[in-house]
C-alpha atoms as a PDB file:
ATOM      1  CA  GLN A   1     -35.823 -85.220 -20.204  1.00  0.00           C
ATOM      2  CA  VAL A   2     -36.360 -81.780 -18.764  1.00  0.00           C
ATOM      3  CA  GLN A   3     -34.109 -80.698 -15.957  1.00  0.00           C
ATOM      4  CA  VAL A   4     -34.417 -77.477 -14.029  1.00  0.00           C
ATOM      5  CA  VAL A   5     -31.853 -76.433 -11.448  1.00  0.00           C
ATOM      6  CA  GLU A   6     -32.199 -73.435  -9.126  1.00  0.00           C
ATOM      7  CA  SER A   7     -29.234 -71.922  -7.315  1.00  0.00           C
ATOM      8  CA  GLY A   8     -28.113 -68.777  -5.523  1.00  0.00           C
ATOM      9  CA  GLY A   9     -30.035 -69.088  -2.286  1.00  0.00           C
ATOM     10  CA  GLY A  10     -28.488 -68.543   1.106  1.00  0.00           C
ATOM     11  CA  GLU A  11     -28.761 -66.742   4.409  1.00  0.00           C
ATOM     12  CA  VAL A  12     -28.652 -62.945   4.507  1.00  0.00           C
ATOM     13  CA  GLN A  13     -29.454 -60.170   6.937  1.00  0.00           C
ATOM     14  CA  GLU A  14     -32.572 -58.108   6.593  1.00  0.00           C
ATOM     15  CA  GLY A  15     -32.083 -55.510   3.864  1.00  0.00           C
ATOM     16  CA  GLY A  16     -29.588 -57.675   2.025  1.00  0.00           C
ATOM     17  CA  SER A  17     -29.608 -58.984  -1.530  1.00  0.00           C
ATOM     18  CA  LEU A  18     -29.452 -62.270  -3.353  1.00  0.00           C
ATOM     19  CA  ARG A  19     -29.522 -63.274  -7.004  1.00  0.00           C
ATOM     20  CA  LEU A  20     -31.203 -66.557  -7.823  1.00  0.00           C
ATOM     21  CA  SER A  21     -30.565 -68.442 -11.048  1.00  0.00           C
ATOM     22  CA  CYS A  22     -32.516 -71.198 -12.743  1.00  0.00           C
ATOM     23  CA  THR A  23     -31.000 -73.157 -15.602  1.00  0.00           C
ATOM     24  CA  ALA A  24     -33.192 -75.408 -17.750  1.00  0.00           C
ATOM     25  CA  SER A  25     -32.242 -78.142 -20.147  1.00  0.00           C
ATOM     26  CA  GLY A  26     -34.259 -80.545 -22.278  1.00  0.00           C
ATOM     27  CA  LEU A  27     -36.921 -77.988 -23.272  1.00  0.00           C
ATOM     28  CA  THR A  28     -37.127 -75.173 -25.777  1.00  0.00           C
ATOM     29  CA  PHE A  29     -36.584 -72.455 -23.190  1.00  0.00           C
ATOM     30  CA  ASP A  30     -37.860 -69.538 -25.217  1.00  0.00           C
ATOM     31  CA  ASP A  31     -41.120 -71.341 -25.974  1.00  0.00           C
ATOM     32  CA  HIS A  32     -42.177 -70.675 -22.391  1.00  0.00           C
ATOM     33  CA  ALA A  33     -42.937 -67.874 -20.074  1.00  0.00           C
ATOM     34  CA  MET A  34     -41.051 -68.629 -16.853  1.00  0.00           C
ATOM     35  CA  GLY A  35     -41.918 -67.953 -13.262  1.00  0.00           C
ATOM     36  CA  TRP A  36     -40.451 -67.848  -9.783  1.00  0.00           C
ATOM     37  CA  PHE A  37     -42.459 -69.244  -6.890  1.00  0.00           C
ATOM     38  CA  ARG A  38     -41.804 -69.641  -3.203  1.00  0.00           C
ATOM     39  CA  GLN A  39     -43.100 -71.928  -0.508  1.00  0.00           C
ATOM     40  CA  ASN A  40     -42.757 -72.510   3.209  1.00  0.00           C
ATOM     41  CA  PRO A  41     -43.581 -75.846   4.917  1.00  0.00           C
ATOM     42  CA  GLY A  42     -47.321 -76.298   5.347  1.00  0.00           C
ATOM     43  CA  LYS A  43     -48.185 -73.313   3.200  1.00  0.00           C
ATOM     44  CA  GLU A  44     -49.337 -72.949  -0.379  1.00  0.00           C
ATOM     45  CA  ARG A  45     -46.841 -72.196  -3.127  1.00  0.00           C
ATOM     46  CA  GLN A  46     -46.915 -68.507  -3.990  1.00  0.00           C
ATOM     47  CA  GLY A  47     -46.156 -66.855  -7.292  1.00  0.00           C
ATOM     48  CA  VAL A  48     -43.346 -64.311  -6.955  1.00  0.00           C
ATOM     49  CA  ALA A  49     -42.668 -63.047 -10.463  1.00  0.00           C
ATOM     50  CA  CYS A  50     -42.967 -64.191 -14.046  1.00  0.00           C
ATOM     51  CA  ILE A  51     -41.513 -63.186 -17.373  1.00  0.00           C
ATOM     52  CA  SER A  52     -42.739 -63.705 -20.927  1.00  0.00           C
ATOM     53  CA  TRP A  53     -40.870 -65.826 -23.460  1.00  0.00           C
ATOM     54  CA  SER A  54     -39.016 -62.851 -24.904  1.00  0.00           C
ATOM     55  CA  GLY A  55     -38.454 -61.108 -21.621  1.00  0.00           C
ATOM     56  CA  SER A  56     -40.426 -58.029 -22.544  1.00  0.00           C
ATOM     57  CA  GLY A  57     -43.442 -58.851 -20.361  1.00  0.00           C
ATOM     58  CA  VAL A  58     -43.010 -59.158 -16.605  1.00  0.00           C
ATOM     59  CA  TYR A  59     -45.349 -59.458 -13.643  1.00  0.00           C
ATOM     60  CA  TYR A  60     -44.677 -59.189  -9.926  1.00  0.00           C
ATOM     61  CA  SER A  61     -46.794 -60.108  -6.993  1.00  0.00           C
ATOM     62  CA  ASP A  62     -47.609 -57.054  -4.915  1.00  0.00           C
ATOM     63  CA  SER A  63     -45.277 -57.632  -1.998  1.00  0.00           C
ATOM     64  CA  MET A  64     -42.261 -58.105  -4.313  1.00  0.00           C
ATOM     65  CA  ARG A  65     -42.862 -55.268  -6.705  1.00  0.00           C
ATOM     66  CA  GLY A  66     -40.094 -52.681  -6.450  1.00  0.00           C
ATOM     67  CA  ARG A  67     -37.704 -55.001  -4.580  1.00  0.00           C
ATOM     68  CA  PHE A  68     -37.348 -57.981  -6.952  1.00  0.00           C
ATOM     69  CA  THR A  69     -36.346 -58.014 -10.619  1.00  0.00           C
ATOM     70  CA  ILE A  70     -36.893 -60.983 -12.879  1.00  0.00           C
ATOM     71  CA  SER A  71     -34.912 -61.438 -16.073  1.00  0.00           C
ATOM     72  CA  ARG A  72     -33.908 -64.158 -18.500  1.00  0.00           C
ATOM     73  CA  ASP A  73     -31.148 -64.994 -20.931  1.00  0.00           C
ATOM     74  CA  ASN A  74     -32.598 -67.227 -23.638  1.00  0.00           C
ATOM     75  CA  ASP A  75     -29.177 -67.908 -25.116  1.00  0.00           C
ATOM     76  CA  LYS A  76     -28.132 -69.436 -21.816  1.00  0.00           C
ATOM     77  CA  ASN A  77     -31.502 -71.058 -20.992  1.00  0.00           C
ATOM     78  CA  THR A  78     -31.340 -69.247 -17.683  1.00  0.00           C
ATOM     79  CA  LEU A  79     -33.823 -67.350 -15.572  1.00  0.00           C
ATOM     80  CA  TYR A  80     -32.810 -64.883 -12.834  1.00  0.00           C
ATOM     81  CA  LEU A  81     -34.340 -63.249  -9.824  1.00  0.00           C
ATOM     82  CA  GLN A  82     -32.511 -60.289  -8.297  1.00  0.00           C
ATOM     83  CA  MET A  83     -33.841 -59.774  -4.796  1.00  0.00           C
ATOM     84  CA  ASN A  84     -33.027 -56.554  -2.950  1.00  0.00           C
ATOM     85  CA  GLY A  85     -34.294 -55.194   0.328  1.00  0.00           C
ATOM     86  CA  LEU A  86     -34.933 -58.657   1.645  1.00  0.00           C
ATOM     87  CA  LYS A  87     -37.257 -59.067   4.610  1.00  0.00           C
ATOM     88  CA  PRO A  88     -37.656 -61.975   7.050  1.00  0.00           C
ATOM     89  CA  GLU A  89     -41.025 -62.738   5.436  1.00  0.00           C
ATOM     90  CA  ASP A  90     -39.194 -63.466   2.209  1.00  0.00           C
ATOM     91  CA  THR A  91     -37.738 -66.583   3.854  1.00  0.00           C
ATOM     92  CA  ALA A  92     -38.844 -69.592   1.810  1.00  0.00           C
ATOM     93  CA  THR A  93     -37.726 -72.185  -0.689  1.00  0.00           C
ATOM     94  CA  TYR A  94     -37.725 -70.595  -4.131  1.00  0.00           C
ATOM     95  CA  TYR A  95     -38.601 -72.580  -7.253  1.00  0.00           C
ATOM     96  CA  CYS A  96     -38.728 -71.837 -10.932  1.00  0.00           C
ATOM     97  CA  ALA A  97     -41.089 -73.360 -13.420  1.00  0.00           C
ATOM     98  CA  ALA A  98     -42.211 -73.053 -17.030  1.00  0.00           C
ATOM     99  CA  ASP A  99     -45.678 -71.945 -18.150  1.00  0.00           C
ATOM    100  CA  ILE A 100     -46.927 -74.860 -20.257  1.00  0.00           C
ATOM    101  CA  ARG A 101     -50.143 -73.251 -21.493  1.00  0.00           C
ATOM    102  CA  PRO A 102     -50.133 -73.287 -25.327  1.00  0.00           C
ATOM    103  CA  ARG A 103     -49.678 -69.726 -26.528  1.00  0.00           C
ATOM    104  CA  HIS A 104     -49.336 -68.023 -29.864  1.00  0.00           C
ATOM    105  CA  ARG A 105     -45.951 -66.394 -30.320  1.00  0.00           C
ATOM    106  CA  ASP A 106     -47.675 -62.997 -30.354  1.00  0.00           C
ATOM    107  CA  TYR A 107     -48.713 -63.543 -26.738  1.00  0.00           C
ATOM    108  CA  ASP A 108     -45.691 -61.962 -25.086  1.00  0.00           C
ATOM    109  CA  TYR A 109     -47.006 -61.663 -21.536  1.00  0.00           C
ATOM    110  CA  CYS A 110     -47.072 -63.648 -18.367  1.00  0.00           C
ATOM    111  CA  SER A 111     -49.458 -63.966 -15.448  1.00  0.00           C
ATOM    112  CA  PHE A 112     -50.414 -66.052 -12.447  1.00  0.00           C
ATOM    113  CA  ASP A 113     -54.091 -65.904 -13.337  1.00  0.00           C
ATOM    114  CA  GLY A 114     -54.402 -69.604 -14.025  1.00  0.00           C
ATOM    115  CA  SER A 115     -53.721 -72.515 -11.743  1.00  0.00           C
ATOM    116  CA  GLN A 116     -50.635 -74.319 -10.469  1.00  0.00           C
ATOM    117  CA  SER A 117     -51.207 -76.995 -13.112  1.00  0.00           C
ATOM    118  CA  ASP A 118     -50.346 -74.376 -15.749  1.00  0.00           C
ATOM    119  CA  TRP A 119     -46.752 -74.562 -14.528  1.00  0.00           C
ATOM    120  CA  ALA A 120     -44.424 -77.532 -14.890  1.00  0.00           C
ATOM    121  CA  TYR A 121     -40.799 -78.674 -14.798  1.00  0.00           C
ATOM    122  CA  TRP A 122     -40.242 -77.693 -11.198  1.00  0.00           C
ATOM    123  CA  GLY A 123     -36.714 -77.766  -9.874  1.00  0.00           C
ATOM    124  CA  GLN A 124     -35.595 -78.865  -6.404  1.00  0.00           C
ATOM    125  CA  GLY A 125     -35.698 -75.311  -5.130  1.00  0.00           C
ATOM    126  CA  THR A 126     -33.152 -73.075  -3.408  1.00  0.00           C
ATOM    127  CA  GLN A 127     -33.511 -71.965   0.201  1.00  0.00           C
ATOM    128  CA  VAL A 128     -33.540 -68.282   1.054  1.00  0.00           C
ATOM    129  CA  THR A 129     -33.316 -67.322   4.719  1.00  0.00           C
ATOM    130  CA  VAL A 130     -33.481 -63.697   5.825  1.00  0.00           C
ATOM    131  CA  LYS A 131     -32.406 -62.966   9.388  1.00  0.00           C
ATOM    132  CA  SER A 132     -33.723 -59.958  11.285  1.00  0.00           C
END
């Protein structure tokens, strides 16, 4: 049984920083690219950043590029998101998920160019609130 647990959220002032973690069990972690997503009530889930199975390929959505850094530790089955320069519009529940599209090992990239159904093993999320 796959279990994914996000942590590290909280309330910060504008310009502050947070580091989110996502620990997975019950899956072969380094078989999957991993991604961070965020969502507010009544709105669609948005891709934030993703990272390839080895960690060498990363992708950021435009509004996060330069402020957020995604990383992973495959030995610890853990995904991270360092968020700096937080803005009120970053307020959301943040989720991590695994890319379940079958890939050859040589495919060491990640992207959000598919659909939400390409991602699975969602955790319960961690709330990030940025106060102005």
